[in-house]
Amino acid sequence: MSKRKSPPVVRESASTYASDGPEGVTFSQEVSAGEFKARCLALMNEVRDRGGEYIITKRGVPVAKLVPVRIERRPLLGSMKGTVKVLGDIVKPLNEPWDALEAWDDDES
């Protein structure tokens, strides 16, 4: 008589883990470390596609959390604002001879 392996258990988390903060978590589930190891890629795809989070536990104690990455995109226009420091007048002539102009004058003659 062969023993059938029971399907892996993924439990809905207790209210301790419920979080409706700024991230907008859609679900929160607990999964054992062994189950996470076996289904890691599938769980990562699910979190990426549906959102939510998984709490990974070892012997019932939470040790890690799998959550989707939040990427903030900055607009292109104005993205460099405040990154340049102007030292002095950038329009005033330097009062130095400019070699590039001398070569240009020689070409015209």
PDB file of N, CA and C in Angstrom:
ATOM      1  N   MET A   1       0.846  -1.178   0.000  1.00  0.00           N
ATOM      2  CA  MET A   1       0.000   0.000   0.000  1.00  0.00           C
ATOM      3  C   MET A   1       0.890   1.240   0.000  1.00  0.00           C
ATOM      4  N   SER A   2       0.716   2.074  -1.003  1.00  0.00           N
ATOM      5  CA  SER A   2       1.551   3.267  -1.082  1.00  0.00           C
ATOM      6  C   SER A   2       0.854   4.444  -0.396  1.00  0.00           C
ATOM      7  N   LYS A   3       1.685   5.208   0.266  1.00  0.00           N
ATOM      8  CA  LYS A   3       1.162   6.395   0.937  1.00  0.00           C
ATOM      9  C   LYS A   3       1.124   7.538  -0.050  1.00  0.00           C
ATOM     10  N   ARG A   4       0.038   8.229  -0.064  1.00  0.00           N
ATOM     11  CA  ARG A   4      -0.050   9.417  -0.911  1.00  0.00           C
ATOM     12  C   ARG A   4       0.401  10.620  -0.111  1.00  0.00           C
ATOM     13  N   LYS A   5       1.198  11.419  -0.748  1.00  0.00           N
ATOM     14  CA  LYS A   5       1.658  12.636  -0.099  1.00  0.00           C
ATOM     15  C   LYS A   5       0.526  13.650  -0.133  1.00  0.00           C
ATOM     16  N   SER A   6       0.250  14.257   1.005  1.00  0.00           N
ATOM     17  CA  SER A   6      -0.818  15.257   1.030  1.00  0.00           C
ATOM     18  C   SER A   6      -0.352  16.513   0.306  1.00  0.00           C
ATOM     19  N   PRO A   7      -1.272  17.236  -0.301  1.00  0.00           N
ATOM     20  CA  PRO A   7      -0.869  18.451  -1.010  1.00  0.00           C
ATOM     21  C   PRO A   7      -0.287  19.466  -0.035  1.00  0.00           C
ATOM     22  N   PRO A   8       0.632  20.295  -0.510  1.00  0.00           N
ATOM     23  CA  PRO A   8       1.267  21.276   0.367  1.00  0.00           C
ATOM     24  C   PRO A   8       0.231  22.244   0.930  1.00  0.00           C
ATOM     25  N   VAL A   9       0.495  22.679   2.136  1.00  0.00           N
ATOM     26  CA  VAL A   9      -0.437  23.563   2.826  1.00  0.00           C
ATOM     27  C   VAL A   9       0.061  24.996   2.739  1.00  0.00           C
ATOM     28  N   VAL A  10      -0.766  25.854   2.202  1.00  0.00           N
ATOM     29  CA  VAL A  10      -0.507  27.283   2.224  1.00  0.00           C
ATOM     30  C   VAL A  10      -1.669  27.889   2.977  1.00  0.00           C
ATOM     31  N   ARG A  11      -1.376  28.439   4.155  1.00  0.00           N
ATOM     32  CA  ARG A  11      -2.441  28.937   5.017  1.00  0.00           C
ATOM     33  C   ARG A  11      -2.614  30.434   4.853  1.00  0.00           C
ATOM     34  N   GLU A  12      -3.866  30.878   4.973  1.00  0.00           N
ATOM     35  CA  GLU A  12      -4.118  32.320   5.061  1.00  0.00           C
ATOM     36  C   GLU A  12      -3.499  32.777   6.362  1.00  0.00           C
ATOM     37  N   SER A  13      -2.848  33.910   6.327  1.00  0.00           N
ATOM     38  CA  SER A  13      -2.165  34.358   7.527  1.00  0.00           C
ATOM     39  C   SER A  13      -3.146  34.895   8.553  1.00  0.00           C
ATOM     40  N   ALA A  14      -2.668  34.947   9.766  1.00  0.00           N
ATOM     41  CA  ALA A  14      -3.472  35.513  10.841  1.00  0.00           C
ATOM     42  C   ALA A  14      -3.558  37.023  10.654  1.00  0.00           C
ATOM     43  N   SER A  15      -4.457  37.648  11.386  1.00  0.00           N
ATOM     44  CA  SER A  15      -4.629  39.093  11.241  1.00  0.00           C
ATOM     45  C   SER A  15      -3.375  39.849  11.645  1.00  0.00           C
ATOM     46  N   THR A  16      -2.459  39.179  12.366  1.00  0.00           N
ATOM     47  CA  THR A  16      -1.203  39.804  12.743  1.00  0.00           C
ATOM     48  C   THR A  16      -0.451  40.293  11.509  1.00  0.00           C
ATOM     49  N   TYR A  17      -0.580  39.561  10.401  1.00  0.00           N
ATOM     50  CA  TYR A  17       0.153  39.900   9.199  1.00  0.00           C
ATOM     51  C   TYR A  17      -0.654  40.738   8.220  1.00  0.00           C
ATOM     52  N   ALA A  18      -1.927  40.953   8.519  1.00  0.00           N
ATOM     53  CA  ALA A  18      -2.752  41.721   7.598  1.00  0.00           C
ATOM     54  C   ALA A  18      -2.209  43.135   7.527  1.00  0.00           C
ATOM     55  N   SER A  19      -2.094  43.650   6.333  1.00  0.00           N
ATOM     56  CA  SER A  19      -1.542  44.983   6.169  1.00  0.00           C
ATOM     57  C   SER A  19      -2.185  45.621   4.950  1.00  0.00           C
ATOM     58  N   ASP A  20      -2.901  46.680   5.192  1.00  0.00           N
ATOM     59  CA  ASP A  20      -3.492  47.431   4.091  1.00  0.00           C
ATOM     60  C   ASP A  20      -2.840  48.804   4.035  1.00  0.00           C
ATOM     61  N   GLY A  21      -1.530  48.826   4.084  1.00  0.00           N
ATOM     62  CA  GLY A  21      -0.781  50.075   4.097  1.00  0.00           C
ATOM     63  C   GLY A  21      -0.666  50.664   2.708  1.00  0.00           C
ATOM     64  N   PRO A  22       0.300  51.548   2.522  1.00  0.00           N
ATOM     65  CA  PRO A  22       0.475  52.221   1.238  1.00  0.00           C
ATOM     66  C   PRO A  22       0.827  51.277   0.099  1.00  0.00           C
ATOM     67  N   GLU A  23       1.347  50.081   0.418  1.00  0.00           N
ATOM     68  CA  GLU A  23       1.701  49.140  -0.641  1.00  0.00           C
ATOM     69  C   GLU A  23       0.467  48.534  -1.289  1.00  0.00           C
ATOM     70  N   GLY A  24      -0.672  48.546  -0.600  1.00  0.00           N
ATOM     71  CA  GLY A  24      -1.894  47.980  -1.158  1.00  0.00           C
ATOM     72  C   GLY A  24      -1.832  46.476  -1.282  1.00  0.00           C
ATOM     73  N   VAL A  25      -1.481  45.764  -0.217  1.00  0.00           N
ATOM     74  CA  VAL A  25      -1.371  44.308  -0.231  1.00  0.00           C
ATOM     75  C   VAL A  25      -2.745  43.706  -0.506  1.00  0.00           C
ATOM     76  N   THR A  26      -2.829  42.818  -1.497  1.00  0.00           N
ATOM     77  CA  THR A  26      -4.107  42.217  -1.849  1.00  0.00           C
ATOM     78  C   THR A  26      -4.347  40.918  -1.093  1.00  0.00           C
ATOM     79  N   PHE A  27      -3.299  40.200  -0.708  1.00  0.00           N
ATOM     80  CA  PHE A  27      -3.458  38.992   0.098  1.00  0.00           C
ATOM     81  C   PHE A  27      -2.180  38.780   0.898  1.00  0.00           C
ATOM     82  N   SER A  28      -2.303  38.008   1.959  1.00  0.00           N
ATOM     83  CA  SER A  28      -1.156  37.670   2.784  1.00  0.00           C
ATOM     84  C   SER A  28      -1.312  36.217   3.207  1.00  0.00           C
ATOM     85  N   GLN A  29      -0.345  35.393   2.844  1.00  0.00           N
ATOM     86  CA  GLN A  29      -0.423  33.968   3.167  1.00  0.00           C
ATOM     87  C   GLN A  29       0.866  33.509   3.812  1.00  0.00           C
ATOM     88  N   GLU A  30       0.744  32.500   4.674  1.00  0.00           N
ATOM     89  CA  GLU A  30       1.912  31.862   5.271  1.00  0.00           C
ATOM     90  C   GLU A  30       2.263  30.615   4.479  1.00  0.00           C
ATOM     91  N   VAL A  31       3.566  30.360   4.359  1.00  0.00           N
ATOM     92  CA  VAL A  31       4.028  29.143   3.696  1.00  0.00           C
ATOM     93  C   VAL A  31       5.276  28.668   4.447  1.00  0.00           C
ATOM     94  N   SER A  32       5.380  27.370   4.649  1.00  0.00           N
ATOM     95  CA  SER A  32       6.543  26.838   5.368  1.00  0.00           C
ATOM     96  C   SER A  32       7.791  26.959   4.494  1.00  0.00           C
ATOM     97  N   ALA A  33       8.941  26.949   5.125  1.00  0.00           N
ATOM     98  CA  ALA A  33      10.202  27.084   4.391  1.00  0.00           C
ATOM     99  C   ALA A  33      10.379  25.944   3.390  1.00  0.00           C
ATOM    100  N   GLY A  34      10.002  24.742   3.775  1.00  0.00           N
ATOM    101  CA  GLY A  34      10.122  23.599   2.857  1.00  0.00           C
ATOM    102  C   GLY A  34       9.225  23.750   1.648  1.00  0.00           C
ATOM    103  N   GLU A  35       7.990  24.194   1.876  1.00  0.00           N
ATOM    104  CA  GLU A  35       7.060  24.422   0.769  1.00  0.00           C
ATOM    105  C   GLU A  35       7.550  25.565  -0.111  1.00  0.00           C
ATOM    106  N   PHE A  36       8.088  26.613   0.507  1.00  0.00           N
ATOM    107  CA  PHE A  36       8.627  27.732  -0.271  1.00  0.00           C
ATOM    108  C   PHE A  36       9.773  27.262  -1.160  1.00  0.00           C
ATOM    109  N   LYS A  37      10.633  26.414  -0.609  1.00  0.00           N
ATOM    110  CA  LYS A  37      11.766  25.888  -1.386  1.00  0.00           C
ATOM    111  C   LYS A  37      11.272  25.100  -2.593  1.00  0.00           C
ATOM    112  N   ALA A  38      10.220  24.332  -2.406  1.00  0.00           N
ATOM    113  CA  ALA A  38       9.700  23.506  -3.499  1.00  0.00           C
ATOM    114  C   ALA A  38       8.963  24.332  -4.554  1.00  0.00           C
ATOM    115  N   ARG A  39       8.298  25.409  -4.153  1.00  0.00           N
ATOM    116  CA  ARG A  39       7.458  26.181  -5.081  1.00  0.00           C
ATOM    117  C   ARG A  39       7.933  27.617  -5.276  1.00  0.00           C
ATOM    118  N   CYS A  40       9.187  27.872  -5.009  1.00  0.00           N
ATOM    119  CA  CYS A  40       9.727  29.241  -5.010  1.00  0.00           C
ATOM    120  C   CYS A  40       9.395  30.021  -6.287  1.00  0.00           C
ATOM    121  N   LEU A  41       9.708  29.485  -7.441  1.00  0.00           N
ATOM    122  CA  LEU A  41       9.492  30.212  -8.692  1.00  0.00           C
ATOM    123  C   LEU A  41       8.013  30.481  -8.954  1.00  0.00           C
ATOM    124  N   ALA A  42       7.160  29.500  -8.658  1.00  0.00           N
ATOM    125  CA  ALA A  42       5.720  29.691  -8.858  1.00  0.00           C
ATOM    126  C   ALA A  42       5.185  30.767  -7.920  1.00  0.00           C
ATOM    127  N   LEU A  43       5.646  30.774  -6.674  1.00  0.00           N
ATOM    128  CA  LEU A  43       5.196  31.793  -5.720  1.00  0.00           C
ATOM    129  C   LEU A  43       5.679  33.181  -6.129  1.00  0.00           C
ATOM    130  N   MET A  44       6.911  33.271  -6.625  1.00  0.00           N
ATOM    131  CA  MET A  44       7.427  34.571  -7.076  1.00  0.00           C
ATOM    132  C   MET A  44       6.615  35.084  -8.255  1.00  0.00           C
ATOM    133  N   ASN A  45       6.268  34.216  -9.194  1.00  0.00           N
ATOM    134  CA  ASN A  45       5.442  34.628 -10.332  1.00  0.00           C
ATOM    135  C   ASN A  45       4.069  35.095  -9.869  1.00  0.00           C
ATOM    136  N   GLU A  46       3.501  34.395  -8.920  1.00  0.00           N
ATOM    137  CA  GLU A  46       2.182  34.772  -8.412  1.00  0.00           C
ATOM    138  C   GLU A  46       2.219  36.138  -7.739  1.00  0.00           C
ATOM    139  N   VAL A  47       3.247  36.388  -6.936  1.00  0.00           N
ATOM    140  CA  VAL A  47       3.375  37.683  -6.271  1.00  0.00           C
ATOM    141  C   VAL A  47       3.576  38.785  -7.304  1.00  0.00           C
ATOM    142  N   ARG A  48       4.367  38.504  -8.330  1.00  0.00           N
ATOM    143  CA  ARG A  48       4.599  39.498  -9.385  1.00  0.00           C
ATOM    144  C   ARG A  48       3.303  39.821 -10.121  1.00  0.00           C
ATOM    145  N   ASP A  49       2.515  38.796 -10.442  1.00  0.00           N
ATOM    146  CA  ASP A  49       1.308  38.980 -11.247  1.00  0.00           C
ATOM    147  C   ASP A  49       0.121  39.503 -10.438  1.00  0.00           C
ATOM    148  N   ARG A  50      -0.081  38.982  -9.236  1.00  0.00           N
ATOM    149  CA  ARG A  50      -1.269  39.323  -8.444  1.00  0.00           C
ATOM    150  C   ARG A  50      -1.007  40.325  -7.345  1.00  0.00           C
ATOM    151  N   GLY A  51       0.268  40.523  -6.973  1.00  0.00           N
ATOM    152  CA  GLY A  51       0.555  41.348  -5.813  1.00  0.00           C
ATOM    153  C   GLY A  51       0.459  40.490  -4.571  1.00  0.00           C
ATOM    154  N   GLY A  52       0.285  41.112  -3.422  1.00  0.00           N
ATOM    155  CA  GLY A  52       0.166  40.373  -2.176  1.00  0.00           C
ATOM    156  C   GLY A  52       1.514  40.022  -1.594  1.00  0.00           C
ATOM    157  N   GLU A  53       1.504  39.122  -0.625  1.00  0.00           N
ATOM    158  CA  GLU A  53       2.747  38.744   0.036  1.00  0.00           C
ATOM    159  C   GLU A  53       2.641  37.330   0.605  1.00  0.00           C
ATOM    160  N   TYR A  54       3.784  36.705   0.776  1.00  0.00           N
ATOM    161  CA  TYR A  54       3.880  35.411   1.445  1.00  0.00           C
ATOM    162  C   TYR A  54       4.806  35.573   2.640  1.00  0.00           C
ATOM    163  N   ILE A  55       4.376  35.070   3.784  1.00  0.00           N
ATOM    164  CA  ILE A  55       5.200  35.032   4.975  1.00  0.00           C
ATOM    165  C   ILE A  55       5.807  33.636   5.043  1.00  0.00           C
ATOM    166  N   ILE A  56       7.148  33.539   4.991  1.00  0.00           N
ATOM    167  CA  ILE A  56       7.822  32.248   5.026  1.00  0.00           C
ATOM    168  C   ILE A  56       8.139  31.930   6.484  1.00  0.00           C
ATOM    169  N   THR A  57       7.762  30.726   6.921  1.00  0.00           N
ATOM    170  CA  THR A  57       7.940  30.351   8.323  1.00  0.00           C
ATOM    171  C   THR A  57       8.832  29.125   8.456  1.00  0.00           C
ATOM    172  N   LYS A  58       9.520  29.043   9.592  1.00  0.00           N
ATOM    173  CA  LYS A  58      10.283  27.850   9.979  1.00  0.00           C
ATOM    174  C   LYS A  58       9.707  27.392  11.300  1.00  0.00           C
ATOM    175  N   ARG A  59       9.122  26.204  11.280  1.00  0.00           N
ATOM    176  CA  ARG A  59       8.474  25.632  12.467  1.00  0.00           C
ATOM    177  C   ARG A  59       7.410  26.578  13.030  1.00  0.00           C
ATOM    178  N   GLY A  60       6.686  27.239  12.120  1.00  0.00           N
ATOM    179  CA  GLY A  60       5.592  28.112  12.525  1.00  0.00           C
ATOM    180  C   GLY A  60       5.996  29.526  12.906  1.00  0.00           C
ATOM    181  N   VAL A  61       7.293  29.819  12.914  1.00  0.00           N
ATOM    182  CA  VAL A  61       7.781  31.156  13.283  1.00  0.00           C
ATOM    183  C   VAL A  61       8.130  31.926  12.013  1.00  0.00           C
ATOM    184  N   PRO A  62       7.563  33.112  11.805  1.00  0.00           N
ATOM    185  CA  PRO A  62       7.868  33.892  10.598  1.00  0.00           C
ATOM    186  C   PRO A  62       9.346  34.287  10.552  1.00  0.00           C
ATOM    187  N   VAL A  63       9.981  34.075   9.388  1.00  0.00           N
ATOM    188  CA  VAL A  63      11.399  34.416   9.233  1.00  0.00           C
ATOM    189  C   VAL A  63      11.660  35.332   8.038  1.00  0.00           C
ATOM    190  N   ALA A  64      10.764  35.350   7.056  1.00  0.00           N
ATOM    191  CA  ALA A  64      10.981  36.177   5.864  1.00  0.00           C
ATOM    192  C   ALA A  64       9.637  36.505   5.226  1.00  0.00           C
ATOM    193  N   LYS A  65       9.669  37.505   4.352  1.00  0.00           N
ATOM    194  CA  LYS A  65       8.453  37.915   3.650  1.00  0.00           C
ATOM    195  C   LYS A  65       8.778  38.081   2.165  1.00  0.00           C
ATOM    196  N   LEU A  66       7.952  37.505   1.314  1.00  0.00           N
ATOM    197  CA  LEU A  66       8.085  37.654  -0.140  1.00  0.00           C
ATOM    198  C   LEU A  66       7.042  38.664  -0.591  1.00  0.00           C
ATOM    199  N   VAL A  67       7.500  39.802  -1.096  1.00  0.00           N
ATOM    200  CA  VAL A  67       6.603  40.874  -1.540  1.00  0.00           C
ATOM    201  C   VAL A  67       7.036  41.346  -2.921  1.00  0.00           C
ATOM    202  N   PRO A  68       6.123  41.941  -3.701  1.00  0.00           N
ATOM    203  CA  PRO A  68       6.523  42.448  -5.023  1.00  0.00           C
ATOM    204  C   PRO A  68       7.398  43.691  -4.889  1.00  0.00           C
ATOM    205  N   VAL A  69       8.235  43.904  -5.880  1.00  0.00           N
ATOM    206  CA  VAL A  69       9.098  45.076  -5.916  1.00  0.00           C
ATOM    207  C   VAL A  69       8.281  46.273  -6.377  1.00  0.00           C
ATOM    208  N   ARG A  70       8.445  47.379  -5.692  1.00  0.00           N
ATOM    209  CA  ARG A  70       7.775  48.621  -6.091  1.00  0.00           C
ATOM    210  C   ARG A  70       8.820  49.531  -6.727  1.00  0.00           C
ATOM    211  N   ILE A  71       8.672  49.791  -8.017  1.00  0.00           N
ATOM    212  CA  ILE A  71       9.617  50.645  -8.728  1.00  0.00           C
ATOM    213  C   ILE A  71       8.951  51.991  -8.964  1.00  0.00           C
ATOM    214  N   GLU A  72       9.563  53.041  -8.424  1.00  0.00           N
ATOM    215  CA  GLU A  72       9.036  54.379  -8.654  1.00  0.00           C
ATOM    216  C   GLU A  72       9.723  54.964  -9.874  1.00  0.00           C
ATOM    217  N   ARG A  73       8.950  55.325 -10.832  1.00  0.00           N
ATOM    218  CA  ARG A  73       9.500  55.915 -12.051  1.00  0.00           C
ATOM    219  C   ARG A  73       9.446  57.430 -11.929  1.00  0.00           C
ATOM    220  N   ARG A  74      10.607  58.057 -12.135  1.00  0.00           N
ATOM    221  CA  ARG A  74      10.663  59.517 -12.100  1.00  0.00           C
ATOM    222  C   ARG A  74      10.433  60.037 -13.508  1.00  0.00           C
ATOM    223  N   PRO A  75       9.758  61.173 -13.629  1.00  0.00           N
ATOM    224  CA  PRO A  75       9.553  61.735 -14.964  1.00  0.00           C
ATOM    225  C   PRO A  75      10.887  62.196 -15.547  1.00  0.00           C
ATOM    226  N   LEU A  76      11.006  62.128 -16.868  1.00  0.00           N
ATOM    227  CA  LEU A  76      12.245  62.511 -17.532  1.00  0.00           C
ATOM    228  C   LEU A  76      12.506  64.009 -17.381  1.00  0.00           C
ATOM    229  N   LEU A  77      11.485  64.816 -17.636  1.00  0.00           N
ATOM    230  CA  LEU A  77      11.661  66.257 -17.510  1.00  0.00           C
ATOM    231  C   LEU A  77      11.788  66.643 -16.045  1.00  0.00           C
ATOM    232  N   GLY A  78      12.862  67.344 -15.723  1.00  0.00           N
ATOM    233  CA  GLY A  78      13.083  67.780 -14.359  1.00  0.00           C
ATOM    234  C   GLY A  78      13.775  66.754 -13.484  1.00  0.00           C
ATOM    235  N   SER A  79      14.170  65.633 -14.049  1.00  0.00           N
ATOM    236  CA  SER A  79      14.766  64.580 -13.228  1.00  0.00           C
ATOM    237  C   SER A  79      16.168  64.949 -12.726  1.00  0.00           C
ATOM    238  N   MET A  80      16.837  65.879 -13.377  1.00  0.00           N
ATOM    239  CA  MET A  80      18.180  66.293 -12.956  1.00  0.00           C
ATOM    240  C   MET A  80      18.162  67.559 -12.100  1.00  0.00           C
ATOM    241  N   LYS A  81      16.975  68.044 -11.753  1.00  0.00           N
ATOM    242  CA  LYS A  81      16.849  69.275 -10.977  1.00  0.00           C
ATOM    243  C   LYS A  81      17.606  69.141  -9.656  1.00  0.00           C
ATOM    244  N   GLY A  82      18.432  70.163  -9.378  1.00  0.00           N
ATOM    245  CA  GLY A  82      19.175  70.175  -8.125  1.00  0.00           C
ATOM    246  C   GLY A  82      20.467  69.388  -8.148  1.00  0.00           C
ATOM    247  N   THR A  83      20.888  68.874  -9.304  1.00  0.00           N
ATOM    248  CA  THR A  83      22.113  68.076  -9.355  1.00  0.00           C
ATOM    249  C   THR A  83      23.308  68.845  -9.896  1.00  0.00           C
ATOM    250  N   VAL A  84      23.102  70.081 -10.368  1.00  0.00           N
ATOM    251  CA  VAL A  84      24.191  70.880 -10.929  1.00  0.00           C
ATOM    252  C   VAL A  84      24.463  72.056 -10.011  1.00  0.00           C
ATOM    253  N   LYS A  85      25.738  72.310  -9.763  1.00  0.00           N
ATOM    254  CA  LYS A  85      26.130  73.438  -8.930  1.00  0.00           C
ATOM    255  C   LYS A  85      26.858  74.439  -9.814  1.00  0.00           C
ATOM    256  N   VAL A  86      26.327  75.670  -9.903  1.00  0.00           N
ATOM    257  CA  VAL A  86      26.920  76.711 -10.735  1.00  0.00           C
ATOM    258  C   VAL A  86      27.899  77.501  -9.875  1.00  0.00           C
ATOM    259  N   LEU A  87      29.149  77.563 -10.329  1.00  0.00           N
ATOM    260  CA  LEU A  87      30.182  78.315  -9.615  1.00  0.00           C
ATOM    261  C   LEU A  87      30.544  79.548 -10.435  1.00  0.00           C
ATOM    262  N   GLY A  88      29.986  80.679 -10.114  1.00  0.00           N
ATOM    263  CA  GLY A  88      30.311  81.916 -10.816  1.00  0.00           C
ATOM    264  C   GLY A  88      29.410  82.152 -12.008  1.00  0.00           C
ATOM    265  N   ASP A  89      29.803  83.152 -12.810  1.00  0.00           N
ATOM    266  CA  ASP A  89      29.024  83.558 -13.977  1.00  0.00           C
ATOM    267  C   ASP A  89      29.375  82.647 -15.149  1.00  0.00           C
ATOM    268  N   ILE A  90      28.396  81.949 -15.699  1.00  0.00           N
ATOM    269  CA  ILE A  90      28.675  81.010 -16.792  1.00  0.00           C
ATOM    270  C   ILE A  90      28.552  81.664 -18.167  1.00  0.00           C
ATOM    271  N   VAL A  91      28.159  82.954 -18.212  1.00  0.00           N
ATOM    272  CA  VAL A  91      27.971  83.637 -19.481  1.00  0.00           C
ATOM    273  C   VAL A  91      29.110  84.624 -19.755  1.00  0.00           C
ATOM    274  N   LYS A  92      29.753  85.104 -18.717  1.00  0.00           N
ATOM    275  CA  LYS A  92      30.809  86.108 -18.837  1.00  0.00           C
ATOM    276  C   LYS A  92      32.000  85.555 -19.627  1.00  0.00           C
ATOM    277  N   PRO A  93      32.609  86.379 -20.520  1.00  0.00           N
ATOM    278  CA  PRO A  93      33.793  85.921 -21.264  1.00  0.00           C
ATOM    279  C   PRO A  93      34.956  85.606 -20.310  1.00  0.00           C
ATOM    280  N   LEU A  94      35.838  84.715 -20.750  1.00  0.00           N
ATOM    281  CA  LEU A  94      36.945  84.272 -19.908  1.00  0.00           C
ATOM    282  C   LEU A  94      38.151  85.208 -19.963  1.00  0.00           C
ATOM    283  N   ASN A  95      38.206  86.095 -20.956  1.00  0.00           N
ATOM    284  CA  ASN A  95      39.355  86.991 -21.158  1.00  0.00           C
ATOM    285  C   ASN A  95      40.636  86.208 -21.358  1.00  0.00           C
ATOM    286  N   GLU A  96      40.537  85.111 -22.048  1.00  0.00           N
ATOM    287  CA  GLU A  96      41.688  84.288 -22.398  1.00  0.00           C
ATOM    288  C   GLU A  96      41.613  84.017 -23.896  1.00  0.00           C
ATOM    289  N   PRO A  97      42.763  83.943 -24.568  1.00  0.00           N
ATOM    290  CA  PRO A  97      42.718  83.578 -25.993  1.00  0.00           C
ATOM    291  C   PRO A  97      42.201  82.137 -26.128  1.00  0.00           C
ATOM    292  N   TRP A  98      41.436  81.941 -27.160  1.00  0.00           N
ATOM    293  CA  TRP A  98      40.829  80.625 -27.382  1.00  0.00           C
ATOM    294  C   TRP A  98      41.426  80.027 -28.636  1.00  0.00           C
ATOM    295  N   ASP A  99      42.169  78.958 -28.487  1.00  0.00           N
ATOM    296  CA  ASP A  99      42.888  78.339 -29.598  1.00  0.00           C
ATOM    297  C   ASP A  99      41.947  77.887 -30.704  1.00  0.00           C
ATOM    298  N   ALA A 100      40.767  77.470 -30.388  1.00  0.00           N
ATOM    299  CA  ALA A 100      39.828  76.997 -31.396  1.00  0.00           C
ATOM    300  C   ALA A 100      39.440  78.128 -32.344  1.00  0.00           C
ATOM    301  N   LEU A 101      39.292  79.332 -31.828  1.00  0.00           N
ATOM    302  CA  LEU A 101      38.942  80.471 -32.678  1.00  0.00           C
ATOM    303  C   LEU A 101      40.092  80.847 -33.592  1.00  0.00           C
ATOM    304  N   GLU A 102      41.327  80.756 -33.114  1.00  0.00           N
ATOM    305  CA  GLU A 102      42.471  81.088 -33.957  1.00  0.00           C
ATOM    306  C   GLU A 102      42.581  80.120 -35.138  1.00  0.00           C
ATOM    307  N   ALA A 103      42.357  78.863 -34.927  1.00  0.00           N
ATOM    308  CA  ALA A 103      42.415  77.881 -36.008  1.00  0.00           C
ATOM    309  C   ALA A 103      41.299  78.145 -37.005  1.00  0.00           C
ATOM    310  N   TRP A 104      40.134  78.571 -36.541  1.00  0.00           N
ATOM    311  CA  TRP A 104      39.006  78.864 -37.419  1.00  0.00           C
ATOM    312  C   TRP A 104      39.289  80.098 -38.282  1.00  0.00           C
ATOM    313  N   ASP A 105      39.959  81.116 -37.674  1.00  0.00           N
ATOM    314  CA  ASP A 105      40.321  82.325 -38.424  1.00  0.00           C
ATOM    315  C   ASP A 105      41.343  82.004 -39.513  1.00  0.00           C
ATOM    316  N   ASP A 106      42.279  81.106 -39.249  1.00  0.00           N
ATOM    317  CA  ASP A 106      43.289  80.723 -40.238  1.00  0.00           C
ATOM    318  C   ASP A 106      42.656  80.020 -41.427  1.00  0.00           C
ATOM    319  N   ASP A 107      41.617  79.226 -41.204  1.00  0.00           N
ATOM    320  CA  ASP A 107      40.943  78.511 -42.287  1.00  0.00           C
ATOM    321  C   ASP A 107      40.213  79.449 -43.226  1.00  0.00           C
ATOM    322  N   GLU A 108      39.691  80.556 -42.715  1.00  0.00           N
ATOM    323  CA  GLU A 108      38.940  81.490 -43.538  1.00  0.00           C
ATOM    324  C   GLU A 108      39.821  82.311 -44.458  1.00  0.00           C
ATOM    325  N   SER A 109      41.082  82.558 -44.080  1.00  0.00           N
ATOM    326  CA  SER A 109      41.938  83.396 -44.895  1.00  0.00           C
ATOM    327  C   SER A 109      42.557  82.698 -46.052  1.00  0.00           C
TER     328      SER A 109
END
